[in-house]
């Protein structure tokens, strides 16, 4: 009985080892079935919904609060009704732009993918698509970063400090420069 259990265990390990080895050798295996090969379904959804996707981390982690999170923390931050309205306006503008650009990025990625599927691509068309995609990505990142700039100017120094503490960031004291904040 013990001998047969050992043999079964050996056979199970022997069956799994090639699978692990194959997965390590082919890290993209399975991705060829995606709708757009270069984008996961989650990435497509993030683009189409106008989410930040970490595009504004340079601002967020250096003391420039994001409008979405400021609105989520509006009570804790003690925003005035005017601040709340102004931050909402910043968010609405950023979000509208981000959704539009995100949809354009997904469309261009789908077109690029289709060109490769059809084998109907050359270096000139590749360069054209990549230049357009890079431009759209830059515009999207700018929309998110600019919203952080605008939001910081609507808050007091104490509100920015509180925001950073609530978000779990280390002290941003070195970020306080005259003229960086609104009210």
N, C-alpha and C. Protein backbone atom coordinates (compact mmCIF):
# COMPACT_ATOMS: atom_id res chain seq x y z
N UNK A 1 0.83 -1.20 0.00
CA UNK A 1 0.00 0.00 0.00
C UNK A 1 0.87 1.26 0.00
N UNK A 2 1.85 1.30 0.87
CA UNK A 2 2.72 2.46 0.96
C UNK A 2 3.49 2.63 -0.35
N UNK A 3 3.93 1.50 -0.93
CA UNK A 3 4.67 1.56 -2.19
C UNK A 3 3.81 2.17 -3.30
N UNK A 4 2.54 1.81 -3.35
CA UNK A 4 1.66 2.35 -4.39
C UNK A 4 1.40 3.83 -4.17
N UNK A 5 1.31 4.26 -2.91
CA UNK A 5 1.14 5.69 -2.62
C UNK A 5 2.37 6.48 -3.05
N UNK A 6 3.54 5.91 -2.83
CA UNK A 6 4.78 6.56 -3.24
C UNK A 6 4.82 6.67 -4.76
N UNK A 7 4.45 5.62 -5.45
CA UNK A 7 4.45 5.64 -6.91
C UNK A 7 3.46 6.68 -7.44
N UNK A 8 2.28 6.75 -6.83
CA UNK A 8 1.29 7.75 -7.25
C UNK A 8 1.85 9.14 -7.04
N UNK A 9 2.50 9.38 -5.92
CA UNK A 9 3.09 10.69 -5.63
C UNK A 9 4.17 11.04 -6.65
N UNK A 10 5.00 10.06 -6.98
CA UNK A 10 6.05 10.30 -7.97
C UNK A 10 5.45 10.65 -9.32
N UNK A 11 4.43 9.91 -9.72
CA UNK A 11 3.78 10.19 -11.01
C UNK A 11 3.12 11.56 -11.02
N UNK A 12 2.53 11.97 -9.90
CA UNK A 12 1.89 13.29 -9.83
C UNK A 12 2.94 14.38 -9.97
N UNK A 13 4.06 14.26 -9.28
CA UNK A 13 5.13 15.25 -9.37
C UNK A 13 5.68 15.28 -10.79
N UNK A 14 5.88 14.11 -11.37
CA UNK A 14 6.41 14.03 -12.74
C UNK A 14 5.46 14.68 -13.73
N UNK A 15 4.17 14.63 -13.48
CA UNK A 15 3.20 15.24 -14.39
C UNK A 15 3.18 16.75 -14.24
N UNK A 16 3.44 17.27 -13.06
CA UNK A 16 3.38 18.70 -12.80
C UNK A 16 4.66 19.42 -13.24
N UNK A 17 5.80 18.82 -13.09
CA UNK A 17 7.08 19.46 -13.40
C UNK A 17 7.12 20.00 -14.83
N UNK A 18 6.71 19.24 -15.87
CA UNK A 18 6.73 19.82 -17.22
C UNK A 18 5.80 21.03 -17.37
N UNK A 19 4.68 21.03 -16.66
CA UNK A 19 3.75 22.16 -16.74
C UNK A 19 4.38 23.42 -16.16
N UNK A 20 5.05 23.30 -15.04
CA UNK A 20 5.72 24.44 -14.42
C UNK A 20 6.83 24.94 -15.34
N UNK A 21 7.60 24.02 -15.87
CA UNK A 21 8.69 24.39 -16.76
C UNK A 21 8.17 25.10 -18.00
N UNK A 22 7.09 24.60 -18.60
CA UNK A 22 6.51 25.21 -19.79
C UNK A 22 5.99 26.61 -19.47
N UNK A 23 5.34 26.79 -18.34
CA UNK A 23 4.80 28.10 -17.97
C UNK A 23 5.92 29.12 -17.81
N UNK A 24 7.06 28.69 -17.26
CA UNK A 24 8.18 29.60 -17.08
C UNK A 24 8.82 29.96 -18.42
N UNK A 25 8.81 29.04 -19.36
CA UNK A 25 9.42 29.28 -20.65
C UNK A 25 8.51 30.09 -21.58
N UNK A 26 7.21 30.09 -21.33
CA UNK A 26 6.25 30.79 -22.18
C UNK A 26 5.35 31.69 -21.34
N UNK A 27 5.90 32.81 -20.84
CA UNK A 27 5.14 33.65 -19.92
C UNK A 27 3.91 34.31 -20.56
N UNK A 28 3.84 34.35 -21.89
CA UNK A 28 2.70 34.97 -22.56
C UNK A 28 1.66 33.95 -23.01
N UNK A 29 1.90 32.68 -22.71
CA UNK A 29 0.96 31.64 -23.12
C UNK A 29 -0.43 31.96 -22.59
N UNK A 30 -1.41 31.90 -23.47
CA UNK A 30 -2.79 32.20 -23.11
C UNK A 30 -3.20 33.61 -23.45
N UNK A 31 -2.24 34.53 -23.53
CA UNK A 31 -2.57 35.92 -23.83
C UNK A 31 -3.00 36.10 -25.28
N UNK A 32 -2.65 35.13 -26.13
CA UNK A 32 -3.02 35.23 -27.55
C UNK A 32 -4.53 35.15 -27.76
N UNK A 33 -5.25 34.76 -26.73
CA UNK A 33 -6.71 34.67 -26.85
C UNK A 33 -7.42 35.96 -26.44
N UNK A 34 -6.65 36.93 -25.95
CA UNK A 34 -7.27 38.18 -25.51
C UNK A 34 -7.82 38.96 -26.71
N UNK A 35 -8.86 39.73 -26.44
CA UNK A 35 -9.48 40.57 -27.46
C UNK A 35 -8.44 41.50 -28.09
N UNK A 36 -7.70 42.21 -27.26
CA UNK A 36 -6.59 43.05 -27.69
C UNK A 36 -5.37 42.48 -26.98
N UNK A 37 -4.45 41.96 -27.74
CA UNK A 37 -3.33 41.21 -27.14
C UNK A 37 -2.52 42.03 -26.14
N UNK A 38 -2.34 43.31 -26.40
CA UNK A 38 -1.48 44.14 -25.54
C UNK A 38 -2.19 44.65 -24.29
N UNK A 39 -3.51 44.44 -24.19
CA UNK A 39 -4.26 44.95 -23.04
C UNK A 39 -5.08 43.84 -22.40
N UNK A 40 -5.02 43.75 -21.08
CA UNK A 40 -5.88 42.81 -20.37
C UNK A 40 -7.29 43.37 -20.31
N UNK A 41 -8.27 42.53 -20.06
CA UNK A 41 -9.64 43.05 -19.90
C UNK A 41 -9.73 44.10 -18.79
N UNK A 42 -8.92 43.94 -17.75
CA UNK A 42 -8.92 44.91 -16.65
C UNK A 42 -8.36 46.26 -17.12
N UNK A 43 -7.30 46.21 -17.92
CA UNK A 43 -6.73 47.46 -18.45
C UNK A 43 -7.72 48.16 -19.37
N UNK A 44 -8.40 47.41 -20.20
CA UNK A 44 -9.40 47.99 -21.09
C UNK A 44 -10.47 48.69 -20.28
N UNK A 45 -10.95 48.03 -19.23
CA UNK A 45 -11.97 48.63 -18.37
C UNK A 45 -11.45 49.89 -17.69
N UNK A 46 -10.21 49.86 -17.19
CA UNK A 46 -9.62 51.02 -16.53
C UNK A 46 -9.56 52.21 -17.48
N UNK A 47 -9.09 51.98 -18.70
CA UNK A 47 -9.04 53.05 -19.69
C UNK A 47 -10.42 53.61 -19.98
N UNK A 48 -11.37 52.74 -20.23
CA UNK A 48 -12.71 53.18 -20.62
C UNK A 48 -13.46 53.87 -19.50
N UNK A 49 -13.08 53.58 -18.25
CA UNK A 49 -13.74 54.20 -17.11
C UNK A 49 -13.01 55.44 -16.61
N UNK A 50 -11.90 55.78 -17.25
CA UNK A 50 -11.17 57.00 -16.89
C UNK A 50 -10.42 56.92 -15.58
N UNK A 51 -10.06 55.72 -15.13
CA UNK A 51 -9.35 55.56 -13.87
C UNK A 51 -7.90 56.03 -14.00
N UNK A 52 -7.30 56.30 -12.86
CA UNK A 52 -5.96 56.87 -12.83
C UNK A 52 -4.84 55.93 -13.20
N UNK A 53 -4.94 54.66 -12.87
CA UNK A 53 -3.96 53.63 -13.21
C UNK A 53 -2.54 53.99 -12.81
N UNK A 54 -2.39 54.80 -11.77
CA UNK A 54 -1.06 55.17 -11.30
C UNK A 54 -0.39 56.24 -12.14
N UNK A 55 -1.12 56.84 -13.07
CA UNK A 55 -0.52 57.83 -13.97
C UNK A 55 -0.13 59.13 -13.25
N UNK A 56 -0.71 59.36 -12.08
CA UNK A 56 -0.43 60.61 -11.36
C UNK A 56 0.35 60.38 -10.08
N UNK A 57 1.06 59.27 -9.99
CA UNK A 57 1.81 59.00 -8.77
C UNK A 57 2.87 60.06 -8.48
N UNK A 58 3.45 60.63 -9.51
CA UNK A 58 4.45 61.69 -9.28
C UNK A 58 3.84 62.83 -8.49
N UNK A 59 2.58 63.12 -8.73
CA UNK A 59 1.89 64.18 -7.98
C UNK A 59 1.40 63.65 -6.64
N UNK A 60 0.67 62.57 -6.67
CA UNK A 60 0.03 62.02 -5.47
C UNK A 60 1.03 61.79 -4.34
N UNK A 61 2.18 61.23 -4.67
CA UNK A 61 3.14 60.86 -3.64
C UNK A 61 4.10 61.99 -3.28
N UNK A 62 3.88 63.14 -3.88
CA UNK A 62 4.71 64.31 -3.56
C UNK A 62 3.87 65.48 -3.06
N UNK A 63 2.73 65.17 -2.45
CA UNK A 63 1.96 66.20 -1.79
C UNK A 63 0.96 66.96 -2.65
N UNK A 64 0.57 66.38 -3.78
CA UNK A 64 -0.43 67.00 -4.66
C UNK A 64 -1.65 66.08 -4.71
N UNK A 65 -2.63 66.31 -3.85
CA UNK A 65 -3.78 65.42 -3.74
C UNK A 65 -4.59 65.31 -5.02
N UNK A 66 -5.17 64.12 -5.21
CA UNK A 66 -6.03 63.88 -6.35
C UNK A 66 -7.47 64.26 -6.04
N UNK A 67 -8.19 64.78 -7.02
CA UNK A 67 -9.56 65.24 -6.78
C UNK A 67 -10.51 64.13 -6.35
N UNK A 68 -10.38 62.95 -6.90
CA UNK A 68 -11.28 61.85 -6.52
C UNK A 68 -11.14 61.53 -5.04
N UNK A 69 -9.90 61.40 -4.59
CA UNK A 69 -9.68 61.04 -3.19
C UNK A 69 -10.00 62.19 -2.25
N UNK A 70 -9.79 63.41 -2.69
CA UNK A 70 -10.17 64.57 -1.87
C UNK A 70 -11.68 64.57 -1.68
N UNK A 71 -12.42 64.28 -2.74
CA UNK A 71 -13.88 64.22 -2.61
C UNK A 71 -14.31 63.09 -1.68
N UNK A 72 -13.62 61.96 -1.77
CA UNK A 72 -13.94 60.84 -0.87
C UNK A 72 -13.67 61.20 0.59
N UNK A 73 -12.70 62.07 0.83
CA UNK A 73 -12.32 62.47 2.19
C UNK A 73 -12.82 63.87 2.54
N UNK A 74 -13.78 64.37 1.78
CA UNK A 74 -14.19 65.78 1.93
C UNK A 74 -14.65 66.12 3.35
N UNK A 75 -15.39 65.24 3.99
CA UNK A 75 -15.84 65.52 5.36
C UNK A 75 -14.67 65.56 6.33
N UNK A 76 -13.79 64.56 6.23
CA UNK A 76 -12.64 64.48 7.12
C UNK A 76 -11.70 65.66 6.92
N UNK A 77 -11.62 66.15 5.69
CA UNK A 77 -10.74 67.29 5.39
C UNK A 77 -11.39 68.63 5.73
N UNK A 78 -12.69 68.61 6.01
CA UNK A 78 -13.40 69.84 6.34
C UNK A 78 -13.51 70.79 5.16
N UNK A 79 -13.76 70.23 3.97
CA UNK A 79 -13.90 71.10 2.79
C UNK A 79 -15.12 72.01 2.95
N UNK A 80 -14.96 73.22 2.51
CA UNK A 80 -16.11 74.12 2.46
C UNK A 80 -16.97 73.71 1.27
N UNK A 81 -18.18 74.21 1.22
CA UNK A 81 -19.05 73.88 0.08
C UNK A 81 -18.43 74.40 -1.22
N UNK A 82 -17.75 75.54 -1.16
CA UNK A 82 -17.10 76.09 -2.35
C UNK A 82 -15.94 75.19 -2.79
N UNK A 83 -15.13 74.74 -1.83
CA UNK A 83 -14.03 73.84 -2.16
C UNK A 83 -14.56 72.53 -2.77
N UNK A 84 -15.60 72.01 -2.15
CA UNK A 84 -16.18 70.75 -2.64
C UNK A 84 -16.66 70.92 -4.08
N UNK A 85 -17.32 72.02 -4.35
CA UNK A 85 -17.82 72.29 -5.71
C UNK A 85 -16.66 72.43 -6.70
N UNK A 86 -15.64 73.18 -6.29
CA UNK A 86 -14.50 73.40 -7.18
C UNK A 86 -13.72 72.11 -7.45
N UNK A 87 -13.51 71.31 -6.41
CA UNK A 87 -12.81 70.03 -6.59
C UNK A 87 -13.66 69.10 -7.46
N UNK A 88 -14.97 69.12 -7.27
CA UNK A 88 -15.85 68.30 -8.11
C UNK A 88 -15.74 68.72 -9.58
N UNK A 89 -15.65 70.03 -9.81
CA UNK A 89 -15.48 70.53 -11.18
C UNK A 89 -14.16 70.04 -11.78
N UNK A 90 -13.09 70.07 -10.99
CA UNK A 90 -11.80 69.58 -11.46
C UNK A 90 -11.92 68.09 -11.80
N UNK A 91 -12.53 67.33 -10.90
CA UNK A 91 -12.70 65.90 -11.14
C UNK A 91 -13.53 65.64 -12.39
N UNK A 92 -14.64 66.33 -12.53
CA UNK A 92 -15.51 66.10 -13.69
C UNK A 92 -14.78 66.37 -15.00
N UNK A 93 -14.03 67.47 -15.05
CA UNK A 93 -13.28 67.79 -16.26
C UNK A 93 -12.21 66.74 -16.56
N UNK A 94 -11.47 66.36 -15.53
CA UNK A 94 -10.42 65.35 -15.69
C UNK A 94 -11.03 64.02 -16.12
N UNK A 95 -12.10 63.62 -15.46
CA UNK A 95 -12.71 62.32 -15.74
C UNK A 95 -13.26 62.26 -17.16
N UNK A 96 -13.91 63.31 -17.59
CA UNK A 96 -14.45 63.36 -18.95
C UNK A 96 -13.33 63.23 -19.98
N UNK A 97 -12.26 63.97 -19.77
CA UNK A 97 -11.11 63.90 -20.67
C UNK A 97 -10.48 62.52 -20.63
N UNK A 98 -10.32 61.94 -19.43
CA UNK A 98 -9.70 60.63 -19.27
C UNK A 98 -10.51 59.53 -19.95
N UNK A 99 -11.83 59.59 -19.83
CA UNK A 99 -12.68 58.59 -20.49
C UNK A 99 -12.53 58.69 -22.00
N UNK A 100 -12.58 59.91 -22.52
CA UNK A 100 -12.43 60.11 -23.97
C UNK A 100 -11.08 59.59 -24.46
N UNK A 101 -10.01 59.98 -23.78
CA UNK A 101 -8.68 59.54 -24.19
C UNK A 101 -8.51 58.04 -24.00
N UNK A 102 -9.04 57.51 -22.92
CA UNK A 102 -8.96 56.06 -22.68
C UNK A 102 -9.63 55.26 -23.78
N UNK A 103 -10.80 55.72 -24.22
CA UNK A 103 -11.48 55.04 -25.31
C UNK A 103 -10.67 55.11 -26.60
N UNK A 104 -10.05 56.26 -26.84
CA UNK A 104 -9.21 56.40 -28.03
C UNK A 104 -8.00 55.47 -27.98
N UNK A 105 -7.39 55.35 -26.80
CA UNK A 105 -6.24 54.46 -26.64
C UNK A 105 -6.64 53.02 -26.90
N UNK A 106 -7.76 52.60 -26.35
CA UNK A 106 -8.23 51.22 -26.56
C UNK A 106 -8.51 50.99 -28.05
N UNK A 107 -9.14 51.96 -28.70
CA UNK A 107 -9.42 51.83 -30.14
C UNK A 107 -8.13 51.69 -30.94
N UNK A 108 -7.13 52.52 -30.64
CA UNK A 108 -5.87 52.47 -31.39
C UNK A 108 -5.13 51.16 -31.12
N UNK A 109 -5.18 50.69 -29.87
CA UNK A 109 -4.54 49.40 -29.55
C UNK A 109 -5.23 48.27 -30.32
N UNK A 110 -6.56 48.32 -30.43
CA UNK A 110 -7.30 47.30 -31.18
C UNK A 110 -6.92 47.36 -32.66
N UNK A 111 -6.81 48.56 -33.20
CA UNK A 111 -6.42 48.71 -34.61
C UNK A 111 -5.01 48.19 -34.84
N UNK A 112 -4.10 48.51 -33.94
CA UNK A 112 -2.72 48.04 -34.06
C UNK A 112 -2.68 46.52 -34.00
N UNK A 113 -3.43 45.95 -33.08
CA UNK A 113 -3.51 44.50 -32.95
C UNK A 113 -4.02 43.88 -34.26
N UNK A 114 -5.06 44.48 -34.81
CA UNK A 114 -5.65 43.97 -36.05
C UNK A 114 -4.67 44.04 -37.22
N UNK A 115 -3.87 45.08 -37.27
CA UNK A 115 -2.85 45.17 -38.32
C UNK A 115 -1.86 44.01 -38.24
N UNK A 116 -1.50 43.65 -37.02
CA UNK A 116 -0.60 42.51 -36.85
C UNK A 116 -1.31 41.20 -37.17
N UNK A 117 -2.57 41.07 -36.76
CA UNK A 117 -3.35 39.86 -37.08
C UNK A 117 -3.39 39.66 -38.59
N UNK A 118 -3.68 40.72 -39.32
CA UNK A 118 -3.80 40.65 -40.78
C UNK A 118 -2.45 40.60 -41.48
N UNK A 119 -1.37 40.91 -40.74
CA UNK A 119 -0.05 40.98 -41.36
C UNK A 119 0.07 42.18 -42.28
N UNK A 120 -0.81 43.16 -42.06
CA UNK A 120 -0.88 44.32 -42.93
C UNK A 120 -0.22 45.53 -42.27
N UNK A 121 1.04 45.36 -41.86
CA UNK A 121 1.73 46.45 -41.17
C UNK A 121 3.17 46.53 -41.68
N UNK A 122 3.65 47.73 -41.75
CA UNK A 122 5.04 47.95 -42.12
C UNK A 122 5.62 48.94 -41.11
N UNK A 123 6.88 49.24 -41.25
CA UNK A 123 7.52 50.12 -40.27
C UNK A 123 6.91 51.51 -40.24
N UNK A 124 6.48 52.01 -41.39
CA UNK A 124 5.90 53.35 -41.43
C UNK A 124 4.56 53.39 -40.69
N UNK A 125 3.68 52.42 -40.94
CA UNK A 125 2.39 52.42 -40.24
C UNK A 125 2.59 52.11 -38.76
N UNK A 126 3.56 51.26 -38.44
CA UNK A 126 3.87 50.98 -37.04
C UNK A 126 4.29 52.26 -36.33
N UNK A 127 5.21 52.99 -36.93
CA UNK A 127 5.68 54.25 -36.33
C UNK A 127 4.54 55.23 -36.14
N UNK A 128 3.65 55.31 -37.11
CA UNK A 128 2.50 56.21 -37.04
C UNK A 128 1.60 55.85 -35.87
N UNK A 129 1.27 54.56 -35.73
CA UNK A 129 0.41 54.12 -34.62
C UNK A 129 1.08 54.36 -33.27
N UNK A 130 2.36 54.05 -33.18
CA UNK A 130 3.05 54.22 -31.90
C UNK A 130 3.18 55.69 -31.52
N UNK A 131 3.40 56.54 -32.50
CA UNK A 131 3.47 57.98 -32.22
C UNK A 131 2.12 58.48 -31.71
N UNK A 132 1.05 58.03 -32.34
CA UNK A 132 -0.28 58.45 -31.90
C UNK A 132 -0.61 57.90 -30.52
N UNK A 133 -0.28 56.64 -30.28
CA UNK A 133 -0.52 56.05 -28.96
C UNK A 133 0.27 56.78 -27.88
N UNK A 134 1.52 57.10 -28.16
CA UNK A 134 2.35 57.81 -27.19
C UNK A 134 1.77 59.19 -26.89
N UNK A 135 1.28 59.84 -27.92
CA UNK A 135 0.67 61.16 -27.73
C UNK A 135 -0.59 61.06 -26.87
N UNK A 136 -1.42 60.08 -27.16
CA UNK A 136 -2.64 59.89 -26.37
C UNK A 136 -2.31 59.54 -24.92
N UNK A 137 -1.30 58.69 -24.72
CA UNK A 137 -0.88 58.33 -23.36
C UNK A 137 -0.37 59.58 -22.62
N UNK A 138 0.37 60.42 -23.32
CA UNK A 138 0.87 61.65 -22.71
C UNK A 138 -0.27 62.59 -22.33
N UNK A 139 -1.24 62.72 -23.22
CA UNK A 139 -2.41 63.56 -22.92
C UNK A 139 -3.18 63.02 -21.72
N UNK A 140 -3.32 61.70 -21.65
CA UNK A 140 -4.03 61.09 -20.53
C UNK A 140 -3.29 61.35 -19.22
N UNK A 141 -2.01 61.14 -19.24
CA UNK A 141 -1.23 61.39 -18.02
C UNK A 141 -1.29 62.85 -17.62
N UNK A 142 -1.21 63.74 -18.60
CA UNK A 142 -1.31 65.16 -18.33
C UNK A 142 -2.66 65.51 -17.69
N UNK A 143 -3.73 64.92 -18.18
CA UNK A 143 -5.06 65.19 -17.61
C UNK A 143 -5.09 64.83 -16.12
N UNK A 144 -4.52 63.69 -15.79
CA UNK A 144 -4.52 63.26 -14.38
C UNK A 144 -3.59 64.13 -13.53
N UNK A 145 -2.39 64.40 -14.02
CA UNK A 145 -1.44 65.21 -13.25
C UNK A 145 -1.93 66.65 -13.09
N UNK A 146 -2.48 67.22 -14.15
CA UNK A 146 -2.99 68.59 -14.08
C UNK A 146 -4.12 68.71 -13.06
N UNK A 147 -4.94 67.66 -12.95
CA UNK A 147 -6.02 67.68 -11.97
C UNK A 147 -5.46 67.71 -10.55
N UNK A 148 -4.34 67.05 -10.32
CA UNK A 148 -3.69 67.10 -9.00
C UNK A 148 -3.17 68.50 -8.71
N UNK A 149 -2.59 69.13 -9.73
CA UNK A 149 -2.11 70.52 -9.55
C UNK A 149 -3.25 71.44 -9.17
N UNK A 150 -4.34 71.35 -9.93
CA UNK A 150 -5.50 72.21 -9.66
C UNK A 150 -6.08 71.95 -8.28
N UNK A 151 -6.15 70.68 -7.92
CA UNK A 151 -6.75 70.33 -6.62
C UNK A 151 -5.93 70.88 -5.47
N UNK A 152 -4.62 70.76 -5.55
CA UNK A 152 -3.77 71.26 -4.45
C UNK A 152 -3.99 72.76 -4.26
N UNK A 153 -4.16 73.48 -5.36
CA UNK A 153 -4.36 74.93 -5.26
C UNK A 153 -5.70 75.31 -4.65
N UNK A 154 -6.60 74.37 -4.52
CA UNK A 154 -7.90 74.64 -3.92
C UNK A 154 -7.93 74.33 -2.42
N UNK A 155 -6.85 73.72 -1.92
CA UNK A 155 -6.82 73.29 -0.53
C UNK A 155 -5.88 74.16 0.30
N UNK A 156 -6.09 74.13 1.59
CA UNK A 156 -5.17 74.81 2.51
C UNK A 156 -3.99 73.89 2.78
N UNK A 157 -2.93 74.45 3.35
CA UNK A 157 -1.76 73.66 3.72
C UNK A 157 -2.18 72.57 4.71
N UNK A 158 -3.01 72.93 5.69
CA UNK A 158 -3.45 71.95 6.69
C UNK A 158 -4.27 70.83 6.04
N UNK A 159 -5.10 71.16 5.07
CA UNK A 159 -5.88 70.13 4.39
C UNK A 159 -4.98 69.18 3.60
N UNK A 160 -3.97 69.71 2.95
CA UNK A 160 -3.03 68.86 2.22
C UNK A 160 -2.29 67.94 3.19
N UNK A 161 -1.84 68.50 4.31
CA UNK A 161 -1.16 67.69 5.33
C UNK A 161 -2.08 66.58 5.85
N UNK A 162 -3.31 66.93 6.14
CA UNK A 162 -4.28 65.94 6.62
C UNK A 162 -4.53 64.86 5.58
N UNK A 163 -4.67 65.28 4.34
CA UNK A 163 -4.88 64.34 3.23
C UNK A 163 -3.73 63.33 3.19
N UNK A 164 -2.51 63.83 3.22
CA UNK A 164 -1.34 62.95 3.15
C UNK A 164 -1.30 61.98 4.32
N UNK A 165 -1.65 62.45 5.50
CA UNK A 165 -1.69 61.57 6.67
C UNK A 165 -2.78 60.52 6.52
N UNK A 166 -3.96 60.94 6.08
CA UNK A 166 -5.07 59.99 5.91
C UNK A 166 -4.77 58.94 4.85
N UNK A 167 -4.00 59.31 3.84
CA UNK A 167 -3.64 58.39 2.77
C UNK A 167 -2.43 57.54 3.13
N UNK A 168 -1.83 57.82 4.32
CA UNK A 168 -0.73 57.00 4.81
C UNK A 168 0.63 57.37 4.25
N UNK A 169 0.76 58.60 3.76
CA UNK A 169 2.04 59.03 3.21
C UNK A 169 2.89 59.65 4.30
N UNK A 170 4.18 59.57 4.14
CA UNK A 170 5.09 60.19 5.08
C UNK A 170 4.96 61.69 5.00
N UNK A 171 5.53 62.34 5.98
CA UNK A 171 5.47 63.80 6.04
C UNK A 171 5.89 64.43 4.73
N UNK A 172 5.13 65.42 4.31
CA UNK A 172 5.42 66.13 3.07
C UNK A 172 5.87 67.55 3.36
N UNK A 173 6.47 67.76 4.53
CA UNK A 173 6.84 69.11 4.95
C UNK A 173 7.70 69.82 3.92
N UNK A 174 8.57 69.08 3.26
CA UNK A 174 9.44 69.72 2.26
C UNK A 174 8.65 70.17 1.04
N UNK A 175 7.38 69.84 0.96
CA UNK A 175 6.55 70.21 -0.17
C UNK A 175 5.94 71.60 -0.02
N UNK A 176 6.01 72.17 1.17
CA UNK A 176 5.34 73.45 1.42
C UNK A 176 6.16 74.62 0.89
N UNK A 177 5.69 75.15 -0.19
CA UNK A 177 6.33 76.31 -0.78
C UNK A 177 5.28 77.42 -0.88
N UNK A 178 5.67 78.64 -0.64
CA UNK A 178 4.70 79.73 -0.75
C UNK A 178 4.04 79.72 -2.11
N UNK A 179 2.75 79.96 -2.10
CA UNK A 179 2.01 80.07 -3.36
C UNK A 179 1.54 78.73 -3.90
N UNK A 180 1.81 77.64 -3.20
CA UNK A 180 1.40 76.32 -3.67
C UNK A 180 -0.04 76.00 -3.35
N UNK A 181 -0.64 76.72 -2.46
CA UNK A 181 -1.97 76.36 -2.00
C UNK A 181 -2.95 77.50 -2.19
N UNK A 182 -4.19 77.11 -2.27
CA UNK A 182 -5.28 78.08 -2.42
C UNK A 182 -5.65 78.68 -1.08
N UNK A 183 -6.93 78.53 -0.72
CA UNK A 183 -7.50 79.22 0.44
C UNK A 183 -6.68 79.16 1.69
